[in-house]
Protein backbone atom coordinates (compact mmCIF):
# COMPACT_ATOMS: atom_id res chain seq x y z
CA MET A 1 75.94 101.73 108.28
CA LEU A 2 73.65 98.20 109.15
CA HIS A 3 74.21 98.02 113.05
CA ALA A 4 72.49 102.35 113.37
CA PHE A 5 69.84 101.42 110.31
CA LEU A 6 69.00 97.95 112.89
CA ARG A 7 68.92 100.18 115.69
CA THR A 8 66.43 102.97 114.46
CA LEU A 9 64.21 99.77 113.93
CA VAL A 10 63.94 98.88 117.46
CA LYS A 11 63.78 101.71 118.44
CA VAL A 12 60.89 102.58 115.94
CA THR A 13 59.36 99.45 116.92
CA ILE A 14 59.64 99.16 120.73
CA ALA A 15 58.27 103.35 120.37
CA SER A 16 55.33 100.99 117.57
CA LEU A 17 54.55 98.92 120.63
CA ILE A 18 54.52 101.50 123.25
CA VAL A 19 51.76 104.19 122.11
CA GLY A 20 49.83 101.50 120.03
CA THR A 21 49.29 99.95 123.94
CA VAL A 22 48.87 103.49 125.08
CA LEU A 23 46.20 103.63 122.50
CA ALA A 24 44.46 100.36 122.18
CA HIS A 25 43.98 101.39 126.71
CA PHE A 26 42.01 104.01 125.42
CA GLY A 27 40.46 102.49 122.99
CA ILE A 28 41.22 103.54 120.06
CA THR A 29 41.51 100.77 117.04
CA ALA A 30 43.04 100.52 113.63
CA ASP A 31 40.04 100.92 112.64
CA GLN A 32 38.47 103.67 113.79
CA VAL A 33 42.42 106.00 113.30
CA ILE A 34 41.88 104.08 109.42
CA GLY A 35 37.77 105.69 109.36
CA GLU A 36 38.95 108.55 110.64
CA VAL A 37 41.36 109.62 107.96
CA GLY A 38 38.21 108.89 105.32
CA LEU A 39 39.68 105.44 103.98
CA SER A 40 38.55 101.69 104.30
CA GLN A 41 40.64 98.38 105.42
CA ARG A 42 39.90 97.62 101.29
CA GLN A 43 41.33 100.87 100.10
CA LEU A 44 44.45 100.29 101.75
CA VAL A 45 45.17 97.60 100.34
CA GLU A 46 44.58 98.89 96.90
CA LEU A 47 47.04 101.72 97.82
CA ALA A 48 49.53 99.69 98.76
CA GLU A 49 48.70 97.08 96.61
CA ARG A 50 49.35 99.72 93.89
CA ALA A 51 52.58 101.46 95.70
CA ALA A 52 54.08 98.45 95.46
CA SER A 53 53.22 97.44 91.66
CA TRP A 54 54.94 100.90 90.98
CA ALA A 55 57.61 100.67 92.93
CA LEU A 56 58.75 97.17 92.39
CA PRO A 57 59.57 97.46 88.64
CA ASN A 58 61.40 100.33 89.34
CA LEU A 59 63.87 99.20 92.26
CA LEU A 60 64.34 95.91 89.93
CA LEU A 61 65.38 98.72 86.91
CA GLY A 62 67.55 100.37 89.22
CA SER A 63 69.54 97.98 90.74
CA LEU A 64 70.31 96.34 87.53
CA VAL A 65 72.10 99.10 86.79
CA ILE A 66 73.57 99.93 90.45
CA VAL A 67 74.74 96.98 91.67
CA PRO A 68 76.87 96.04 88.85
CA ILE A 69 78.93 99.17 89.40
CA TRP A 70 78.81 99.43 92.91
CA PHE A 71 80.43 95.90 92.91
CA LEU A 72 82.53 97.13 90.39
CA LEU A 73 83.89 100.06 92.45
CA TYR A 74 83.84 98.31 95.94
CA LEU A 75 86.05 96.33 93.87
CA PHE A 76 88.47 97.82 92.01
CA ARG A 77 88.92 100.65 95.16
CA PRO A 78 91.66 101.69 96.48
CA PRO A 79 93.14 99.55 99.99
CA GLY A 80 92.71 101.59 102.85
CA PRO A 81 92.61 100.72 106.74
CA SER A 82 89.61 98.46 107.81
CA ARG A 83 85.78 100.23 108.95
CA SER A 84 86.26 97.67 112.43
CA GLU A 85 89.52 99.68 113.17
């Protein structure tokens, strides 16, 4: 599963580099795109900070419940064929 995620992440990164290069060739910048949407860089940073300040405490709280449950299920699962075969 991690391998598939990393492959997808590499594909998205390469596609983003290609599209970014094409847009830069035509003189389109990130500032222009953000401005067309109606945001400034400062507003975008503030939105990202608000999102992080909401998400991180909830992520921590959820992981305090989920990680021990996952560990117990992983520890006591019945033996079976390994996934590497």
